[in-house]
Amino acid sequence: ILTPGSTYRPEHYYSNFNYKGLSLQDWRKEVLE
């Protein structure tokens, strides 16, 4: 994941920025994949 100031692995991004009630696996499936 590229942001204007940093790069993240998806799991590291998720640990800082996430939707309440949406798991890492569901976020990857619904948004990234």
PDB file of all heavy atoms in Angstrom:
ATOM      1  N   ILE A   1       0.853  -1.189   0.000  1.00  0.00           N
ATOM      2  CA  ILE A   1       0.000   0.000   0.000  1.00  0.00           C
ATOM      3  C   ILE A   1       0.888   1.237   0.000  1.00  0.00           C
ATOM      4  O   ILE A   1       1.781   1.381   0.850  1.00  0.00           O
ATOM      5  CB  ILE A   1      -0.937   0.007   1.220  1.00  0.00           C
ATOM      6  CG1 ILE A   1      -2.029  -1.052   1.036  1.00  0.00           C
ATOM      7  CG2 ILE A   1      -1.558   1.380   1.432  1.00  0.00           C
ATOM      8  CD1 ILE A   1      -2.963  -1.190   2.225  1.00  0.00           C
ATOM      9  N   LEU A   2       0.641   2.133  -0.966  1.00  0.00           N
ATOM     10  CA  LEU A   2       1.376   3.396  -1.060  1.00  0.00           C
ATOM     11  C   LEU A   2       0.485   4.528  -0.570  1.00  0.00           C
ATOM     12  O   LEU A   2      -0.649   4.672  -1.021  1.00  0.00           O
ATOM     13  CB  LEU A   2       1.792   3.680  -2.503  1.00  0.00           C
ATOM     14  CG  LEU A   2       2.521   2.595  -3.296  1.00  0.00           C
ATOM     15  CD1 LEU A   2       2.877   3.129  -4.681  1.00  0.00           C
ATOM     16  CD2 LEU A   2       3.765   2.120  -2.569  1.00  0.00           C
ATOM     17  N   THR A   3       0.999   5.327   0.335  1.00  0.00           N
ATOM     18  CA  THR A   3       0.321   6.550   0.756  1.00  0.00           C
ATOM     19  C   THR A   3       1.262   7.713   0.442  1.00  0.00           C
ATOM     20  O   THR A   3       2.437   7.491   0.138  1.00  0.00           O
ATOM     21  CB  THR A   3       0.009   6.528   2.265  1.00  0.00           C
ATOM     22  OG1 THR A   3       1.234   6.675   2.999  1.00  0.00           O
ATOM     23  CG2 THR A   3      -0.690   5.230   2.669  1.00  0.00           C
ATOM     24  N   PRO A   4       0.798   8.959   0.505  1.00  0.00           N
ATOM     25  CA  PRO A   4       1.694  10.073   0.201  1.00  0.00           C
ATOM     26  C   PRO A   4       2.953  10.122   1.064  1.00  0.00           C
ATOM     27  O   PRO A   4       3.960  10.673   0.655  1.00  0.00           O
ATOM     28  CB  PRO A   4       0.806  11.296   0.452  1.00  0.00           C
ATOM     29  CG  PRO A   4      -0.567  10.819   0.170  1.00  0.00           C
ATOM     30  CD  PRO A   4      -0.597   9.412   0.673  1.00  0.00           C
ATOM     31  N   GLY A   5       2.913   9.539   2.267  1.00  0.00           N
ATOM     32  CA  GLY A   5       4.085   9.637   3.127  1.00  0.00           C
ATOM     33  C   GLY A   5       4.748   8.333   3.502  1.00  0.00           C
ATOM     34  O   GLY A   5       5.861   8.353   4.028  1.00  0.00           O
ATOM     35  N   SER A   6       4.089   7.197   3.244  1.00  0.00           N
ATOM     36  CA  SER A   6       4.634   5.922   3.712  1.00  0.00           C
ATOM     37  C   SER A   6       4.203   4.780   2.800  1.00  0.00           C
ATOM     38  O   SER A   6       3.324   4.934   1.954  1.00  0.00           O
ATOM     39  CB  SER A   6       4.161   5.626   5.145  1.00  0.00           C
ATOM     40  OG  SER A   6       4.508   6.655   6.030  1.00  0.00           O
ATOM     41  N   THR A   7       4.848   3.634   3.018  1.00  0.00           N
ATOM     42  CA  THR A   7       4.405   2.396   2.385  1.00  0.00           C
ATOM     43  C   THR A   7       4.099   1.391   3.494  1.00  0.00           C
ATOM     44  O   THR A   7       4.728   1.413   4.557  1.00  0.00           O
ATOM     45  CB  THR A   7       5.476   1.805   1.452  1.00  0.00           C
ATOM     46  OG1 THR A   7       6.654   1.512   2.219  1.00  0.00           O
ATOM     47  CG2 THR A   7       5.809   2.784   0.331  1.00  0.00           C
ATOM     48  N   TYR A   8       3.112   0.534   3.250  1.00  0.00           N
ATOM     49  CA  TYR A   8       2.698  -0.437   4.259  1.00  0.00           C
ATOM     50  C   TYR A   8       2.412  -1.786   3.600  1.00  0.00           C
ATOM     51  O   TYR A   8       1.922  -1.835   2.465  1.00  0.00           O
ATOM     52  CB  TYR A   8       1.389  -0.009   4.947  1.00  0.00           C
ATOM     53  CG  TYR A   8       1.409   1.302   5.681  1.00  0.00           C
ATOM     54  CD1 TYR A   8       1.146   2.499   5.018  1.00  0.00           C
ATOM     55  CD2 TYR A   8       1.629   1.351   7.057  1.00  0.00           C
ATOM     56  CE1 TYR A   8       1.117   3.706   5.692  1.00  0.00           C
ATOM     57  CE2 TYR A   8       1.611   2.552   7.754  1.00  0.00           C
ATOM     58  CZ  TYR A   8       1.349   3.729   7.065  1.00  0.00           C
ATOM     59  OH  TYR A   8       1.313   4.928   7.737  1.00  0.00           O
ATOM     60  N   ARG A   9       2.671  -2.851   4.342  1.00  0.00           N
ATOM     61  CA  ARG A   9       2.047  -4.106   4.034  1.00  0.00           C
ATOM     62  C   ARG A   9       0.594  -3.990   4.490  1.00  0.00           C
ATOM     63  O   ARG A   9       0.309  -3.273   5.463  1.00  0.00           O
ATOM     64  CB  ARG A   9       2.740  -5.262   4.757  1.00  0.00           C
ATOM     65  CG  ARG A   9       4.139  -5.550   4.256  1.00  0.00           C
ATOM     66  CD  ARG A   9       4.150  -5.962   2.803  1.00  0.00           C
ATOM     67  NE  ARG A   9       5.516  -6.241   2.320  1.00  0.00           N
ATOM     68  CZ  ARG A   9       5.801  -6.441   1.057  1.00  0.00           C
ATOM     69  NH1 ARG A   9       4.846  -6.381   0.132  1.00  0.00           N
ATOM     70  NH2 ARG A   9       7.039  -6.684   0.684  1.00  0.00           N
ATOM     71  N   PRO A  10      -0.335  -4.659   3.806  1.00  0.00           N
ATOM     72  CA  PRO A  10      -1.749  -4.503   4.168  1.00  0.00           C
ATOM     73  C   PRO A  10      -2.038  -4.721   5.646  1.00  0.00           C
ATOM     74  O   PRO A  10      -2.810  -3.967   6.257  1.00  0.00           O
ATOM     75  CB  PRO A  10      -2.450  -5.545   3.292  1.00  0.00           C
ATOM     76  CG  PRO A  10      -1.590  -5.614   2.078  1.00  0.00           C
ATOM     77  CD  PRO A  10      -0.176  -5.472   2.582  1.00  0.00           C
ATOM     78  N   GLU A  11      -1.424  -5.743   6.253  1.00  0.00           N
ATOM     79  CA  GLU A  11      -1.695  -6.017   7.665  1.00  0.00           C
ATOM     80  C   GLU A  11      -1.189  -4.900   8.565  1.00  0.00           C
ATOM     81  O   GLU A  11      -1.795  -4.589   9.609  1.00  0.00           O
ATOM     82  CB  GLU A  11      -1.096  -7.363   8.089  1.00  0.00           C
ATOM     83  CG  GLU A  11       0.407  -7.489   7.893  1.00  0.00           C
ATOM     84  CD  GLU A  11       0.795  -8.001   6.508  1.00  0.00           C
ATOM     85  OE1 GLU A  11      -0.046  -7.919   5.584  1.00  0.00           O
ATOM     86  OE2 GLU A  11       1.937  -8.498   6.374  1.00  0.00           O
ATOM     87  N   HIS A  12      -0.087  -4.239   8.169  1.00  0.00           N
ATOM     88  CA  HIS A  12       0.432  -3.128   8.960  1.00  0.00           C
ATOM     89  C   HIS A  12      -0.453  -1.895   8.798  1.00  0.00           C
ATOM     90  O   HIS A  12      -0.690  -1.155   9.766  1.00  0.00           O
ATOM     91  CB  HIS A  12       1.869  -2.806   8.556  1.00  0.00           C
ATOM     92  CG  HIS A  12       2.825  -3.928   8.820  1.00  0.00           C
ATOM     93  ND1 HIS A  12       3.933  -4.167   8.025  1.00  0.00           N
ATOM     94  CD2 HIS A  12       2.836  -4.899   9.768  1.00  0.00           C
ATOM     95  CE1 HIS A  12       4.581  -5.223   8.482  1.00  0.00           C
ATOM     96  NE2 HIS A  12       3.933  -5.689   9.538  1.00  0.00           N
ATOM     97  N   TYR A  13      -0.939  -1.664   7.586  1.00  0.00           N
ATOM     98  CA  TYR A  13      -1.872  -0.550   7.370  1.00  0.00           C
ATOM     99  C   TYR A  13      -3.136  -0.770   8.192  1.00  0.00           C
ATOM    100  O   TYR A  13      -3.629   0.145   8.861  1.00  0.00           O
ATOM    101  CB  TYR A  13      -2.216  -0.430   5.887  1.00  0.00           C
ATOM    102  CG  TYR A  13      -3.131   0.736   5.574  1.00  0.00           C
ATOM    103  CD1 TYR A  13      -2.622   1.996   5.280  1.00  0.00           C
ATOM    104  CD2 TYR A  13      -4.517   0.571   5.597  1.00  0.00           C
ATOM    105  CE1 TYR A  13      -3.464   3.071   5.010  1.00  0.00           C
ATOM    106  CE2 TYR A  13      -5.371   1.637   5.329  1.00  0.00           C
ATOM    107  CZ  TYR A  13      -4.833   2.879   5.042  1.00  0.00           C
ATOM    108  OH  TYR A  13      -5.675   3.939   4.790  1.00  0.00           O
ATOM    109  N   TYR A  14      -3.643  -1.984   8.149  1.00  0.00           N
ATOM    110  CA  TYR A  14      -4.878  -2.305   8.859  1.00  0.00           C
ATOM    111  C   TYR A  14      -4.742  -2.094  10.363  1.00  0.00           C
ATOM    112  O   TYR A  14      -5.712  -1.697  11.035  1.00  0.00           O
ATOM    113  CB  TYR A  14      -5.281  -3.749   8.564  1.00  0.00           C
ATOM    114  CG  TYR A  14      -6.550  -4.197   9.255  1.00  0.00           C
ATOM    115  CD1 TYR A  14      -7.798  -3.973   8.675  1.00  0.00           C
ATOM    116  CD2 TYR A  14      -6.497  -4.841  10.496  1.00  0.00           C
ATOM    117  CE1 TYR A  14      -8.959  -4.376   9.314  1.00  0.00           C
ATOM    118  CE2 TYR A  14      -7.648  -5.247  11.139  1.00  0.00           C
ATOM    119  CZ  TYR A  14      -8.881  -5.012  10.540  1.00  0.00           C
ATOM    120  OH  TYR A  14     -10.032  -5.404  11.182  1.00  0.00           O
ATOM    121  N   SER A  15      -3.572  -2.326  10.904  1.00  0.00           N
ATOM    122  CA  SER A  15      -3.376  -2.156  12.348  1.00  0.00           C
ATOM    123  C   SER A  15      -3.491  -0.696  12.773  1.00  0.00           C
ATOM    124  O   SER A  15      -3.755  -0.403  13.943  1.00  0.00           O
ATOM    125  CB  SER A  15      -2.014  -2.717  12.776  1.00  0.00           C
ATOM    126  OG  SER A  15      -0.951  -1.950  12.210  1.00  0.00           O
ATOM    127  N   ASN A  16      -3.312   0.234  11.837  1.00  0.00           N
ATOM    128  CA  ASN A  16      -3.416   1.671  12.132  1.00  0.00           C
ATOM    129  C   ASN A  16      -4.694   2.301  11.598  1.00  0.00           C
ATOM    130  O   ASN A  16      -5.201   3.269  12.171  1.00  0.00           O
ATOM    131  CB  ASN A  16      -2.222   2.427  11.536  1.00  0.00           C
ATOM    132  CG  ASN A  16      -0.919   2.120  12.241  1.00  0.00           C
ATOM    133  OD1 ASN A  16      -0.701   2.548  13.369  1.00  0.00           O
ATOM    134  ND2 ASN A  16      -0.050   1.374  11.587  1.00  0.00           N
ATOM    135  N   PHE A  17      -5.190   1.771  10.480  1.00  0.00           N
ATOM    136  CA  PHE A  17      -6.354   2.353   9.822  1.00  0.00           C
ATOM    137  C   PHE A  17      -7.315   1.220   9.434  1.00  0.00           C
ATOM    138  O   PHE A  17      -6.956   0.392   8.585  1.00  0.00           O
ATOM    139  CB  PHE A  17      -5.941   3.118   8.564  1.00  0.00           C
ATOM    140  CG  PHE A  17      -4.790   4.067   8.767  1.00  0.00           C
ATOM    141  CD1 PHE A  17      -3.495   3.681   8.450  1.00  0.00           C
ATOM    142  CD2 PHE A  17      -4.999   5.329   9.295  1.00  0.00           C
ATOM    143  CE1 PHE A  17      -2.426   4.542   8.635  1.00  0.00           C
ATOM    144  CE2 PHE A  17      -3.931   6.201   9.491  1.00  0.00           C
ATOM    145  CZ  PHE A  17      -2.642   5.811   9.159  1.00  0.00           C
ATOM    146  N   ASN A  18      -8.491   1.203  10.018  1.00  0.00           N
ATOM    147  CA  ASN A  18      -9.424   0.126   9.693  1.00  0.00           C
ATOM    148  C   ASN A  18     -10.862   0.536   9.961  1.00  0.00           C
ATOM    149  O   ASN A  18     -11.132   1.472  10.722  1.00  0.00           O
ATOM    150  CB  ASN A  18      -9.075  -1.141  10.482  1.00  0.00           C
ATOM    151  CG  ASN A  18      -9.107  -0.916  11.980  1.00  0.00           C
ATOM    152  OD1 ASN A  18     -10.163  -0.894  12.600  1.00  0.00           O
ATOM    153  ND2 ASN A  18      -7.921  -0.722  12.572  1.00  0.00           N
ATOM    154  N   TYR A  19     -11.770  -0.173   9.321  1.00  0.00           N
ATOM    155  CA  TYR A  19     -13.199   0.035   9.537  1.00  0.00           C
ATOM    156  C   TYR A  19     -13.648  -0.791  10.735  1.00  0.00           C
ATOM    157  O   TYR A  19     -13.348  -1.988  10.813  1.00  0.00           O
ATOM    158  CB  TYR A  19     -13.996  -0.384   8.299  1.00  0.00           C
ATOM    159  CG  TYR A  19     -13.621   0.376   7.054  1.00  0.00           C
ATOM    160  CD1 TYR A  19     -12.675  -0.139   6.161  1.00  0.00           C
ATOM    161  CD2 TYR A  19     -14.205   1.604   6.755  1.00  0.00           C
ATOM    162  CE1 TYR A  19     -12.327   0.564   5.022  1.00  0.00           C
ATOM    163  CE2 TYR A  19     -13.856   2.311   5.616  1.00  0.00           C
ATOM    164  CZ  TYR A  19     -12.910   1.779   4.745  1.00  0.00           C
ATOM    165  OH  TYR A  19     -12.561   2.473   3.628  1.00  0.00           O
ATOM    166  N   LYS A  20     -14.374  -0.158  11.626  1.00  0.00           N
ATOM    167  CA  LYS A  20     -14.846  -0.878  12.802  1.00  0.00           C
ATOM    168  C   LYS A  20     -15.788  -2.002  12.373  1.00  0.00           C
ATOM    169  O   LYS A  20     -16.694  -1.794  11.569  1.00  0.00           O
ATOM    170  CB  LYS A  20     -15.565   0.074  13.759  1.00  0.00           C
ATOM    171  CG  LYS A  20     -14.657   1.098  14.412  1.00  0.00           C
ATOM    172  CD  LYS A  20     -15.397   1.948  15.424  1.00  0.00           C
ATOM    173  CE  LYS A  20     -15.808   1.134  16.627  1.00  0.00           C
ATOM    174  NZ  LYS A  20     -16.418   1.993  17.682  1.00  0.00           N
ATOM    175  N   GLY A  21     -15.534  -3.197  12.880  1.00  0.00           N
ATOM    176  CA  GLY A  21     -16.391  -4.326  12.569  1.00  0.00           C
ATOM    177  C   GLY A  21     -16.031  -5.059  11.300  1.00  0.00           C
ATOM    178  O   GLY A  21     -16.688  -6.050  10.953  1.00  0.00           O
ATOM    179  N   LEU A  22     -14.999  -4.587  10.581  1.00  0.00           N
ATOM    180  CA  LEU A  22     -14.581  -5.243   9.340  1.00  0.00           C
ATOM    181  C   LEU A  22     -13.201  -5.878   9.574  1.00  0.00           C
ATOM    182  O   LEU A  22     -12.225  -5.174   9.813  1.00  0.00           O
ATOM    183  CB  LEU A  22     -14.511  -4.230   8.197  1.00  0.00           C
ATOM    184  CG  LEU A  22     -14.336  -4.809   6.777  1.00  0.00           C
ATOM    185  CD1 LEU A  22     -15.569  -5.612   6.369  1.00  0.00           C
ATOM    186  CD2 LEU A  22     -14.088  -3.685   5.765  1.00  0.00           C
ATOM    187  N   SER A  23     -13.145  -7.192   9.502  1.00  0.00           N
ATOM    188  CA  SER A  23     -11.894  -7.899   9.784  1.00  0.00           C
ATOM    189  C   SER A  23     -10.867  -7.652   8.685  1.00  0.00           C
ATOM    190  O   SER A  23     -11.193  -7.193   7.584  1.00  0.00           O
ATOM    191  CB  SER A  23     -12.156  -9.404   9.898  1.00  0.00           C
ATOM    192  OG  SER A  23     -12.524  -9.942   8.635  1.00  0.00           O
ATOM    193  N   LEU A  24      -9.614  -7.979   8.990  1.00  0.00           N
ATOM    194  CA  LEU A  24      -8.539  -7.838   8.008  1.00  0.00           C
ATOM    195  C   LEU A  24      -8.851  -8.637   6.756  1.00  0.00           C
ATOM    196  O   LEU A  24      -8.680  -8.137   5.631  1.00  0.00           O
ATOM    197  CB  LEU A  24      -7.211  -8.315   8.624  1.00  0.00           C
ATOM    198  CG  LEU A  24      -6.010  -8.434   7.672  1.00  0.00           C
ATOM    199  CD1 LEU A  24      -5.657  -7.089   7.057  1.00  0.00           C
ATOM    200  CD2 LEU A  24      -4.804  -9.028   8.417  1.00  0.00           C
ATOM    201  N   GLN A  25      -9.320  -9.866   6.924  1.00  0.00           N
ATOM    202  CA  GLN A  25      -9.620 -10.719   5.775  1.00  0.00           C
ATOM    203  C   GLN A  25     -10.758 -10.147   4.941  1.00  0.00           C
ATOM    204  O   GLN A  25     -10.684 -10.129   3.698  1.00  0.00           O
ATOM    205  CB  GLN A  25      -9.982 -12.136   6.250  1.00  0.00           C
ATOM    206  CG  GLN A  25      -8.837 -12.919   6.874  1.00  0.00           C
ATOM    207  CD  GLN A  25      -8.464 -12.420   8.271  1.00  0.00           C
ATOM    208  OE1 GLN A  25      -9.274 -11.774   8.960  1.00  0.00           O
ATOM    209  NE2 GLN A  25      -7.235 -12.713   8.679  1.00  0.00           N
ATOM    210  N   ASP A  26     -11.805  -9.644   5.600  1.00  0.00           N
ATOM    211  CA  ASP A  26     -12.946  -9.070   4.866  1.00  0.00           C
ATOM    212  C   ASP A  26     -12.553  -7.769   4.176  1.00  0.00           C
ATOM    213  O   ASP A  26     -13.012  -7.478   3.065  1.00  0.00           O
ATOM    214  CB  ASP A  26     -14.115  -8.837   5.815  1.00  0.00           C
ATOM    215  CG  ASP A  26     -14.780 -10.129   6.251  1.00  0.00           C
ATOM    216  OD1 ASP A  26     -14.580 -11.161   5.566  1.00  0.00           O
ATOM    217  OD2 ASP A  26     -15.493 -10.114   7.275  1.00  0.00           O
ATOM    218  N   TRP A  27     -11.722  -6.974   4.828  1.00  0.00           N
ATOM    219  CA  TRP A  27     -11.246  -5.726   4.213  1.00  0.00           C
ATOM    220  C   TRP A  27     -10.433  -6.022   2.965  1.00  0.00           C
ATOM    221  O   TRP A  27     -10.622  -5.382   1.928  1.00  0.00           O
ATOM    222  CB  TRP A  27     -10.413  -4.947   5.236  1.00  0.00           C
ATOM    223  CG  TRP A  27      -9.662  -3.786   4.664  1.00  0.00           C
ATOM    224  CD1 TRP A  27     -10.187  -2.644   4.131  1.00  0.00           C
ATOM    225  CD2 TRP A  27      -8.240  -3.648   4.574  1.00  0.00           C
ATOM    226  NE1 TRP A  27      -9.176  -1.809   3.718  1.00  0.00           N
ATOM    227  CE2 TRP A  27      -7.974  -2.397   3.980  1.00  0.00           C
ATOM    228  CE3 TRP A  27      -7.171  -4.470   4.953  1.00  0.00           C
ATOM    229  CZ2 TRP A  27      -6.683  -1.949   3.753  1.00  0.00           C
ATOM    230  CZ3 TRP A  27      -5.880  -4.022   4.731  1.00  0.00           C
ATOM    231  CH2 TRP A  27      -5.645  -2.768   4.143  1.00  0.00           C
ATOM    232  N   ARG A  28      -9.539  -6.992   3.055  1.00  0.00           N
ATOM    233  CA  ARG A  28      -8.750  -7.365   1.878  1.00  0.00           C
ATOM    234  C   ARG A  28      -9.670  -7.807   0.748  1.00  0.00           C
ATOM    235  O   ARG A  28      -9.486  -7.418  -0.412  1.00  0.00           O
ATOM    236  CB  ARG A  28      -7.771  -8.483   2.230  1.00  0.00           C
ATOM    237  CG  ARG A  28      -6.623  -8.079   3.138  1.00  0.00           C
ATOM    238  CD  ARG A  28      -5.594  -9.202   3.242  1.00  0.00           C
ATOM    239  NE  ARG A  28      -4.962  -9.416   1.940  1.00  0.00           N
ATOM    240  CZ  ARG A  28      -3.674  -9.221   1.697  1.00  0.00           C
ATOM    241  NH1 ARG A  28      -2.871  -8.818   2.664  1.00  0.00           N
ATOM    242  NH2 ARG A  28      -3.164  -9.448   0.504  1.00  0.00           N
ATOM    243  N   LYS A  29     -10.648  -8.623   1.077  1.00  0.00           N
ATOM    244  CA  LYS A  29     -11.540  -9.167   0.054  1.00  0.00           C
ATOM    245  C   LYS A  29     -12.435  -8.094  -0.559  1.00  0.00           C
ATOM    246  O   LYS A  29     -12.589  -8.023  -1.778  1.00  0.00           O
ATOM    247  CB  LYS A  29     -12.399 -10.279   0.664  1.00  0.00           C
ATOM    248  CG  LYS A  29     -13.345 -10.939  -0.322  1.00  0.00           C
ATOM    249  CD  LYS A  29     -14.132 -12.053   0.349  1.00  0.00           C
ATOM    250  CE  LYS A  29     -15.100 -12.703  -0.643  1.00  0.00           C
ATOM    251  NZ  LYS A  29     -15.896 -13.783   0.006  1.00  0.00           N
ATOM    252  N   GLU A  30     -13.015  -7.228   0.289  1.00  0.00           N
ATOM    253  CA  GLU A  30     -13.996  -6.253  -0.177  1.00  0.00           C
ATOM    254  C   GLU A  30     -13.378  -5.017  -0.817  1.00  0.00           C
ATOM    255  O   GLU A  30     -13.982  -4.405  -1.706  1.00  0.00           O
ATOM    256  CB  GLU A  30     -14.901  -5.824   0.985  1.00  0.00           C
ATOM    257  CG  GLU A  30     -15.770  -6.931   1.533  1.00  0.00           C
ATOM    258  CD  GLU A  30     -16.614  -6.463   2.698  1.00  0.00           C
ATOM    259  OE1 GLU A  30     -16.774  -5.236   2.856  1.00  0.00           O
ATOM    260  OE2 GLU A  30     -17.115  -7.318   3.455  1.00  0.00           O
ATOM    261  N   VAL A  31     -12.178  -4.650  -0.358  1.00  0.00           N
ATOM    262  CA  VAL A  31     -11.565  -3.395  -0.833  1.00  0.00           C
ATOM    263  C   VAL A  31     -10.368  -3.652  -1.741  1.00  0.00           C
ATOM    264  O   VAL A  31     -10.319  -3.151  -2.870  1.00  0.00           O
ATOM    265  CB  VAL A  31     -11.160  -2.504   0.364  1.00  0.00           C
ATOM    266  CG1 VAL A  31     -10.485  -1.223  -0.138  1.00  0.00           C
ATOM    267  CG2 VAL A  31     -12.383  -2.164   1.211  1.00  0.00           C
ATOM    268  N   LEU A  32      -9.406  -4.425  -1.269  1.00  0.00           N
ATOM    269  CA  LEU A  32      -8.142  -4.575  -2.004  1.00  0.00           C
ATOM    270  C   LEU A  32      -8.223  -5.576  -3.147  1.00  0.00           C
ATOM    271  O   LEU A  32      -7.569  -5.378  -4.181  1.00  0.00           O
ATOM    272  CB  LEU A  32      -7.028  -5.008  -1.040  1.00  0.00           C
ATOM    273  CG  LEU A  32      -6.764  -4.107   0.168  1.00  0.00           C
ATOM    274  CD1 LEU A  32      -5.552  -4.618   0.938  1.00  0.00           C
ATOM    275  CD2 LEU A  32      -6.574  -2.653  -0.249  1.00  0.00           C
ATOM    276  N   GLU A  33      -8.981  -6.639  -3.004  1.00  0.00           N
ATOM    277  CA  GLU A  33      -8.932  -7.744  -3.963  1.00  0.00           C
ATOM    278  C   GLU A  33     -10.172  -7.842  -4.840  1.00  0.00           C
ATOM    279  O   GLU A  33     -10.387  -8.858  -5.496  1.00  0.00           O
ATOM    280  CB  GLU A  33      -8.721  -9.058  -3.187  1.00  0.00           C
ATOM    281  CG  GLU A  33      -7.400  -9.069  -2.415  1.00  0.00           C
ATOM    282  CD  GLU A  33      -7.261 -10.277  -1.497  1.00  0.00           C
ATOM    283  OE1 GLU A  33      -8.234 -11.079  -1.426  1.00  0.00           O
ATOM    284  OE2 GLU A  33      -6.195 -10.434  -0.857  1.00  0.00           O
TER     285      GLU A  33
END
